[in-house]
């Protein structure tokens, strides 16, 4: 039985992208009382909003963590293990998909750390390579219908008892009330301008995609090389995401026609199966642009105790400190790092809010494993809210 003690702490998560929602769901499932505050949510956002990238992501689980980056490897491993269980739940928008990574440069990179973690990992034979590539590998990945997955996460969070408030904050201190034990900062690109954070290491990396209808394509493929970043990502609804661009510092939200034409041309080169017959014109459904919330130094996963600068305005007491945990700067890796980052936040919150010398977690709060079991059980309920 999952107990929610009367003294379980109140937590506010700022941001409702994939990182914010994953963090909120995990904390709520662990027994905390969680409220999400965000300017944009999966069911309330502007398609052209520069600060809300998650619905416009590809996306598929494809870790880019270097084998020597132990922290990011662990974050992505935890996320992979959870997606290997979530994929068994219907109506999440997550499906298993054969995936191919092919490289235009000679084999200088180490093999991916996940070669023994995923199913069906194989090096590609030389005669299987094409499109000017020299080496590559295949494995079973997971692709996301991102709007559908975010909608499922929102329903799951509410079903667990979480609350969402659509609101724009000017300062991180404004997220706390007199009863708030912790604030989790999952503002992504917004961390650059949010008062009290203003992290100048955060910057946009522009991504442009073309969405086509091609339900016959049943695998993902990514081609990488110097100034080459092409990918084809099918979704469960028959739509296929074609990309891409990786323009650091660019922030235009308008699709560029020349870029779109290049994306279409390169997509056919790396995935000839997009065309049912030679010369077939692909059925373009939409063009999208998103700004990846990139950060110099990588993901910021750390905490501080803040004395609110606006305590009197909020009705709080001068000198009352609030735990603030930062969880942003995932760049293009939000989906593949989402649950692992949330796990780190849960650990920090447990450690910082637990009564000193008494127990490892606050009263009424459960461990990561127990929280995951609750997520999977509640997430499998098919009734709508």
Protein backbone atom coordinates (compact mmCIF):
# COMPACT_ATOMS: atom_id res chain seq x y z
CA UNK A 1 0.00 0.00 0.00
CA UNK A 2 1.29 3.45 -0.90
CA UNK A 3 0.94 5.79 2.06
CA UNK A 4 0.82 9.56 1.75
CA UNK A 5 1.50 10.97 5.18
CA UNK A 6 -0.12 14.19 6.31
CA UNK A 7 3.32 15.66 6.81
CA UNK A 8 4.68 14.82 3.35
CA UNK A 9 6.34 18.00 2.05
CA UNK A 10 4.88 20.31 -0.58
CA UNK A 11 6.99 20.75 -3.71
CA UNK A 12 6.66 23.09 -6.68
CA UNK A 13 8.10 22.09 -10.05
CA UNK A 14 8.64 25.01 -12.42
CA UNK A 15 8.35 23.92 -16.05
CA UNK A 16 6.15 21.38 -17.85
CA UNK A 17 8.39 20.07 -20.59
CA UNK A 18 9.43 16.43 -20.62
CA UNK A 19 12.03 17.03 -17.89
CA UNK A 20 9.64 18.95 -15.65
CA UNK A 21 6.79 16.48 -16.06
CA UNK A 22 9.04 13.46 -15.46
CA UNK A 23 10.36 15.09 -12.30
CA UNK A 24 6.88 16.03 -11.11
CA UNK A 25 5.46 12.55 -11.78
CA UNK A 26 8.29 10.82 -9.92
CA UNK A 27 8.10 13.13 -6.90
CA UNK A 28 4.32 12.81 -6.73
CA UNK A 29 4.51 9.02 -7.03
CA UNK A 30 7.08 8.98 -4.23
CA UNK A 31 4.61 10.66 -1.88
CA UNK A 32 5.34 14.37 -2.10
CA UNK A 33 2.55 16.88 -2.73
CA UNK A 34 3.54 18.38 -6.08
CA UNK A 35 2.28 21.39 -8.00
CA UNK A 36 3.61 22.21 -11.47
CA UNK A 37 3.77 25.87 -12.44
CA UNK A 38 4.46 26.64 -16.10
CA UNK A 39 3.75 29.20 -18.79
CA UNK A 40 3.17 26.37 -21.26
CA UNK A 41 1.82 22.88 -20.67
CA UNK A 42 1.06 20.01 -23.08
CA UNK A 43 -2.57 21.10 -23.33
CA UNK A 44 -1.92 24.85 -23.19
CA UNK A 45 0.91 26.12 -25.38
CA UNK A 46 1.71 28.29 -28.36
CA UNK A 47 3.18 26.35 -31.29
CA UNK A 48 5.65 29.19 -31.83
CA UNK A 49 6.67 29.51 -28.17
CA UNK A 50 10.47 29.67 -28.10
CA UNK A 51 10.71 28.43 -24.51
CA UNK A 52 8.64 25.25 -24.95
CA UNK A 53 10.48 22.72 -27.08
CA UNK A 54 9.28 19.32 -25.84
CA UNK A 55 6.18 18.90 -28.08
CA UNK A 56 8.28 19.71 -31.14
CA UNK A 57 11.05 17.20 -30.46
CA UNK A 58 11.61 14.15 -32.70
CA UNK A 59 12.14 12.11 -30.62
CA UNK A 60 13.72 8.75 -29.86
CA UNK A 61 15.89 7.28 -27.13
CA UNK A 62 19.43 7.65 -28.46
CA UNK A 63 22.01 8.36 -25.81
CA UNK A 64 24.91 10.61 -26.81
CA UNK A 65 26.71 10.18 -23.47
CA UNK A 66 30.42 9.43 -23.85
CA UNK A 67 31.37 6.16 -22.09
CA UNK A 68 33.70 8.15 -19.81
CA UNK A 69 30.89 10.47 -18.65
CA UNK A 70 29.75 8.28 -15.77
CA UNK A 71 27.07 10.67 -14.50
CA UNK A 72 25.33 11.14 -17.85
CA UNK A 73 25.66 7.43 -18.64
CA UNK A 74 23.87 6.61 -15.39
CA UNK A 75 21.17 9.21 -16.09
CA UNK A 76 20.53 7.79 -19.54
CA UNK A 77 20.69 4.18 -18.29
CA UNK A 78 18.00 4.82 -15.68
CA UNK A 79 15.85 6.46 -18.34
CA UNK A 80 16.34 3.55 -20.74
CA UNK A 81 15.38 0.98 -18.11
CA UNK A 82 12.16 2.82 -17.34
CA UNK A 83 11.22 3.23 -21.01
CA UNK A 84 11.77 -0.50 -21.44
CA UNK A 85 8.85 -0.88 -19.02
CA UNK A 86 6.72 2.09 -20.09
CA UNK A 87 6.68 0.80 -23.68
CA UNK A 88 4.51 -2.10 -22.49
CA UNK A 89 1.74 0.35 -21.54
CA UNK A 90 -0.72 1.21 -24.30
CA UNK A 91 -1.56 4.75 -25.42
CA UNK A 92 1.67 6.36 -24.23
CA UNK A 93 2.95 7.22 -27.71
CA UNK A 94 6.12 5.20 -27.01
CA UNK A 95 6.92 2.22 -29.24
CA UNK A 96 9.97 -0.02 -29.83
CA UNK A 97 11.69 0.59 -33.15
CA UNK A 98 14.78 -0.84 -34.88
CA UNK A 99 17.36 1.94 -35.08
CA UNK A 100 20.44 2.52 -37.21
CA UNK A 101 23.26 4.97 -36.45
CA UNK A 102 25.61 5.45 -39.41
CA UNK A 103 28.74 7.61 -39.55
CA UNK A 104 30.48 9.37 -42.42
CA UNK A 105 33.84 9.51 -40.62
CA UNK A 106 36.24 6.64 -40.01
CA UNK A 107 35.61 4.62 -36.86
CA UNK A 108 37.38 6.77 -34.26
CA UNK A 109 34.59 6.99 -31.69
CA UNK A 110 34.33 4.34 -28.94
CA UNK A 111 31.39 1.99 -29.18
CA UNK A 112 28.32 3.33 -27.36
CA UNK A 113 28.11 2.57 -23.67
CA UNK A 114 24.65 1.07 -24.14
CA UNK A 115 25.76 -1.76 -26.44
CA UNK A 116 25.07 -4.28 -23.66
CA UNK A 117 21.98 -2.49 -22.32
CA UNK A 118 19.74 -2.43 -25.40
CA UNK A 119 18.27 -5.32 -27.33
CA UNK A 120 19.62 -6.46 -30.70
CA UNK A 121 22.82 -4.42 -30.76
CA UNK A 122 24.91 -5.25 -33.83
CA UNK A 123 27.73 -3.65 -35.78
CA UNK A 124 26.78 -3.07 -39.40
CA UNK A 125 28.67 -4.98 -42.07
CA UNK A 126 30.53 -2.94 -44.67
CA UNK A 127 28.21 -4.09 -47.43
CA UNK A 128 25.22 -2.81 -45.43
CA UNK A 129 26.50 0.77 -45.43
CA UNK A 130 25.46 3.43 -47.93
CA UNK A 131 24.93 7.19 -48.27
CA UNK A 132 28.68 7.87 -47.97
CA UNK A 133 28.95 6.25 -44.54
CA UNK A 134 31.88 4.18 -43.27
CA UNK A 135 30.62 2.43 -40.15
CA UNK A 136 27.58 2.09 -37.95
CA UNK A 137 25.49 -0.07 -35.67
CA UNK A 138 21.89 -1.08 -35.10
CA UNK A 139 19.84 -1.67 -31.95
CA UNK A 140 16.29 -1.57 -30.63
CA UNK A 141 15.37 1.99 -29.67
CA UNK A 142 12.16 3.68 -28.56
CA UNK A 143 10.43 6.42 -30.51
CA UNK A 144 8.02 8.99 -29.12
CA UNK A 145 4.91 10.60 -30.46
CA UNK A 146 5.92 13.55 -28.32
CA UNK A 147 2.57 15.37 -28.01
CA UNK A 148 0.85 12.08 -27.14
CA UNK A 149 3.52 11.10 -24.62
CA UNK A 150 3.38 14.49 -22.91
CA UNK A 151 -0.43 14.27 -22.76
CA UNK A 152 -0.15 10.82 -21.17
CA UNK A 153 2.35 12.16 -18.64
CA UNK A 154 -0.01 15.00 -17.79
CA UNK A 155 -2.92 12.59 -17.22
CA UNK A 156 -0.66 10.35 -15.14
CA UNK A 157 0.49 13.24 -12.97
CA UNK A 158 -3.08 14.36 -12.30
CA UNK A 159 -4.21 10.80 -11.65
CA UNK A 160 -1.47 10.50 -9.05
CA UNK A 161 -2.89 13.60 -7.36
CA UNK A 162 -0.64 16.30 -8.77
CA UNK A 163 -1.81 19.80 -9.65
CA UNK A 164 -0.91 22.08 -12.56
CA UNK A 165 -1.13 25.88 -12.66
CA UNK A 166 -0.61 27.81 -15.89
CA UNK A 167 1.32 30.84 -14.76
CA UNK A 168 4.39 32.84 -15.77
CA UNK A 169 6.97 33.49 -13.07
CA UNK A 170 9.40 36.37 -13.17
CA UNK A 171 11.61 35.09 -10.33
CA UNK A 172 12.40 31.64 -8.97
CA UNK A 173 11.44 32.80 -5.46
CA UNK A 174 7.89 33.43 -6.69
CA UNK A 175 7.42 29.65 -7.00
CA UNK A 176 7.41 29.18 -3.24
CA UNK A 177 4.68 29.78 -0.68
CA UNK A 178 5.04 29.70 3.12
CA UNK A 179 4.29 25.94 3.02
CA UNK A 180 6.63 25.05 0.14
CA UNK A 181 9.48 22.77 1.18
CA UNK A 182 11.26 22.69 -2.18
CA UNK A 183 11.20 24.25 -5.63
CA UNK A 184 12.50 22.28 -8.62
CA UNK A 185 13.75 24.43 -11.47
CA UNK A 186 13.04 22.65 -14.79
CA UNK A 187 12.75 25.79 -16.90
CA UNK A 188 15.06 24.72 -19.74
CA UNK A 189 15.90 27.68 -21.94
CA UNK A 190 13.98 29.91 -19.54
CA UNK A 191 16.74 29.47 -16.96
CA UNK A 192 18.73 32.07 -18.89
CA UNK A 193 16.28 34.86 -18.04
CA UNK A 194 14.40 33.66 -14.94
CA UNK A 195 15.09 36.00 -12.03
CA UNK A 196 17.24 34.46 -9.33
CA UNK A 197 18.75 32.00 -11.83
CA UNK A 198 19.82 33.96 -14.93
CA UNK A 199 22.25 31.27 -16.06
CA UNK A 200 24.24 32.74 -18.95
CA UNK A 201 25.64 29.30 -19.76
CA UNK A 202 22.23 28.43 -21.22
CA UNK A 203 21.69 29.10 -24.91
CA UNK A 204 19.37 27.94 -27.73
CA UNK A 205 20.32 25.37 -30.34
CA UNK A 206 17.84 25.61 -33.18
CA UNK A 207 16.31 22.50 -34.66
CA UNK A 208 14.09 22.38 -37.74
CA UNK A 209 12.10 19.33 -38.80
CA UNK A 210 9.71 18.27 -41.53
CA UNK A 211 6.82 15.95 -40.65
CA UNK A 212 5.68 13.60 -43.42
CA UNK A 213 3.13 10.81 -43.65
CA UNK A 214 4.86 7.49 -44.36
CA UNK A 215 3.35 4.68 -42.25
CA UNK A 216 5.34 2.06 -44.17
CA UNK A 217 8.67 3.21 -42.65
CA UNK A 218 9.40 1.00 -39.65
CA UNK A 219 12.89 1.95 -38.49
CA UNK A 220 14.82 5.02 -37.38
CA UNK A 221 18.10 6.07 -38.92
CA UNK A 222 20.59 8.78 -37.96
CA UNK A 223 23.51 9.83 -40.19
CA UNK A 224 26.32 11.80 -38.59
CA UNK A 225 29.43 13.50 -39.98
CA UNK A 226 31.16 16.87 -40.15
CA UNK A 227 28.28 19.35 -40.39
CA UNK A 228 25.93 16.44 -41.16
CA UNK A 229 23.02 15.59 -38.87
CA UNK A 230 20.27 13.71 -40.70
CA UNK A 231 17.59 11.62 -39.04
CA UNK A 232 14.37 9.79 -39.80
CA UNK A 233 12.12 8.95 -36.82
CA UNK A 234 8.79 7.16 -37.38
CA UNK A 235 5.99 7.56 -34.85
CA UNK A 236 3.25 5.13 -33.92
CA UNK A 237 0.60 7.13 -35.80
CA UNK A 238 2.22 6.80 -39.24
CA UNK A 239 3.89 10.21 -39.20
CA UNK A 240 7.65 10.40 -39.66
CA UNK A 241 9.95 13.14 -38.34
CA UNK A 242 12.70 14.23 -40.72
CA UNK A 243 15.64 16.31 -39.59
CA UNK A 244 17.67 18.05 -38.94
CA UNK A 245 19.62 21.06 -37.91
CA UNK A 246 21.83 21.84 -34.93
CA UNK A 247 22.33 25.61 -35.08
CA UNK A 248 23.95 26.81 -31.87
CA UNK A 249 22.87 30.30 -30.82
CA UNK A 250 20.18 30.60 -33.51
CA UNK A 251 16.71 31.48 -32.23
CA UNK A 252 14.45 32.04 -35.24
CA UNK A 253 11.15 30.18 -34.85
CA UNK A 254 10.29 30.44 -38.55
CA UNK A 255 10.93 27.37 -40.75
CA UNK A 256 13.46 28.08 -43.50
CA UNK A 257 12.27 26.76 -46.91
CA UNK A 258 15.79 26.03 -48.17
CA UNK A 259 16.56 24.08 -45.01
CA UNK A 260 13.31 22.14 -45.38
CA UNK A 261 14.22 21.17 -48.94
CA UNK A 262 17.65 19.99 -47.81
CA UNK A 263 16.09 17.95 -45.02
CA UNK A 264 13.72 16.24 -47.46
CA UNK A 265 16.50 15.49 -49.95
CA UNK A 266 18.86 14.08 -47.32
CA UNK A 267 16.10 12.04 -45.68
CA UNK A 268 15.43 10.18 -48.92
CA UNK A 269 19.17 9.57 -49.31
CA UNK A 270 19.51 7.98 -45.87
CA UNK A 271 16.10 6.26 -45.94
CA UNK A 272 15.12 5.35 -49.53
CA UNK A 273 12.09 3.49 -48.14
CA UNK A 274 10.41 6.86 -47.60
CA UNK A 275 9.52 6.73 -51.31
CA UNK A 276 7.26 3.90 -52.41
CA UNK A 277 8.48 4.45 -55.96
CA UNK A 278 11.40 6.42 -57.43
CA UNK A 279 10.71 10.13 -57.56
CA UNK A 280 7.61 9.96 -55.35
CA UNK A 281 6.87 13.32 -53.72
CA UNK A 282 6.61 12.91 -49.97
CA UNK A 283 3.37 13.96 -48.26
CA UNK A 284 4.44 16.85 -46.05
CA UNK A 285 2.16 17.33 -43.06
CA UNK A 286 3.93 20.15 -41.20
CA UNK A 287 7.12 22.09 -40.62
CA UNK A 288 8.31 22.68 -37.06
CA UNK A 289 11.07 24.60 -35.30
CA UNK A 290 12.22 24.09 -31.73
CA UNK A 291 15.00 25.55 -29.62
CA UNK A 292 16.97 22.97 -27.67
CA UNK A 293 17.85 24.25 -24.16
CA UNK A 294 21.61 23.70 -24.37
CA UNK A 295 24.03 24.57 -21.57
CA UNK A 296 27.79 24.99 -21.44
CA UNK A 297 28.95 22.40 -18.95
CA UNK A 298 25.96 20.14 -19.56
CA UNK A 299 22.95 19.46 -17.38
CA UNK A 300 22.76 21.45 -14.17
CA UNK A 301 21.72 19.03 -11.42
CA UNK A 302 22.47 20.64 -8.08
CA UNK A 303 20.74 22.30 -5.16
CA UNK A 304 20.91 25.43 -3.04
CA UNK A 305 19.05 26.78 -0.04
CA UNK A 306 17.61 30.19 -0.86
CA UNK A 307 16.40 32.95 1.39
CA UNK A 308 13.57 34.42 -0.70
CA UNK A 309 14.19 37.95 -1.84
CA UNK A 310 10.45 38.55 -2.06
CA UNK A 311 9.40 36.86 1.18
CA UNK A 312 7.31 39.74 2.45
CA UNK A 313 5.49 40.08 -0.89
CA UNK A 314 4.66 36.37 -0.87
CA UNK A 315 3.54 36.42 2.72
CA UNK A 316 6.50 34.36 3.87
CA UNK A 317 8.79 35.02 6.78
CA UNK A 318 12.06 36.87 6.36
CA UNK A 319 14.95 34.45 6.65
CA UNK A 320 12.91 31.32 5.88
CA UNK A 321 14.97 29.25 3.47
CA UNK A 322 13.60 27.08 0.68
CA UNK A 323 15.36 24.19 -1.01
CA UNK A 324 15.83 24.87 -4.74
CA UNK A 325 16.96 22.02 -6.99
CA UNK A 326 18.08 22.87 -10.51
CA UNK A 327 17.37 20.38 -13.30
CA UNK A 328 17.87 21.99 -16.70
CA UNK A 329 20.29 22.29 -19.62
CA UNK A 330 19.53 18.98 -21.35
CA UNK A 331 19.95 20.32 -24.88
CA UNK A 332 18.63 17.76 -27.35
CA UNK A 333 18.71 14.99 -24.74
CA UNK A 334 15.60 15.78 -22.73
CA UNK A 335 13.74 12.58 -23.53
CA UNK A 336 16.68 10.18 -23.21
CA UNK A 337 17.76 11.79 -19.92
CA UNK A 338 14.34 12.62 -18.44
CA UNK A 339 13.77 9.88 -15.87
CA UNK A 340 17.41 9.64 -14.85
CA UNK A 341 17.51 13.37 -14.15
CA UNK A 342 14.29 13.06 -12.16
CA UNK A 343 15.88 10.25 -10.16
CA UNK A 344 18.78 12.54 -9.20
CA UNK A 345 16.31 15.23 -8.12
CA UNK A 346 14.43 12.69 -5.99
CA UNK A 347 17.68 11.68 -4.29
CA UNK A 348 18.58 15.29 -3.54
CA UNK A 349 15.12 16.09 -2.17
CA UNK A 350 15.10 12.95 -0.02
CA UNK A 351 18.51 13.78 1.45
CA UNK A 352 17.86 17.48 2.02
CA UNK A 353 14.36 17.20 3.49
CA UNK A 354 14.78 14.08 5.62
CA UNK A 355 14.83 14.67 9.40
CA UNK A 356 18.47 14.68 10.49
CA UNK A 357 19.53 11.46 12.19
CA UNK A 358 16.08 9.89 12.05
CA UNK A 359 15.44 8.34 8.64
CA UNK A 360 16.57 8.46 5.04
CA UNK A 361 13.43 10.10 3.67
CA UNK A 362 10.73 12.48 4.92
CA UNK A 363 7.64 11.02 6.59
CA UNK A 364 5.20 9.48 4.10
CA UNK A 365 7.71 9.42 1.25
CA UNK A 366 8.81 6.31 -0.64
CA UNK A 367 11.90 5.17 -2.51
CA UNK A 368 12.59 5.43 -6.24
CA UNK A 369 11.72 1.77 -6.85
CA UNK A 370 8.40 2.07 -5.03
CA UNK A 371 7.61 5.28 -6.92
CA UNK A 372 8.35 3.58 -10.25
CA UNK A 373 6.03 0.69 -9.43
CA UNK A 374 3.29 3.18 -8.64
CA UNK A 375 3.92 5.07 -11.91
CA UNK A 376 3.63 1.86 -13.92
CA UNK A 377 0.52 0.72 -12.07
CA UNK A 378 -1.33 4.03 -12.32
CA UNK A 379 -0.06 4.69 -15.83
CA UNK A 380 -1.59 1.43 -17.01
CA UNK A 381 -5.11 2.53 -16.02
CA UNK A 382 -6.98 3.02 -19.27
CA UNK A 383 -9.83 5.18 -18.00
CA UNK A 384 -9.63 8.86 -18.95
CA UNK A 385 -9.69 11.67 -16.41
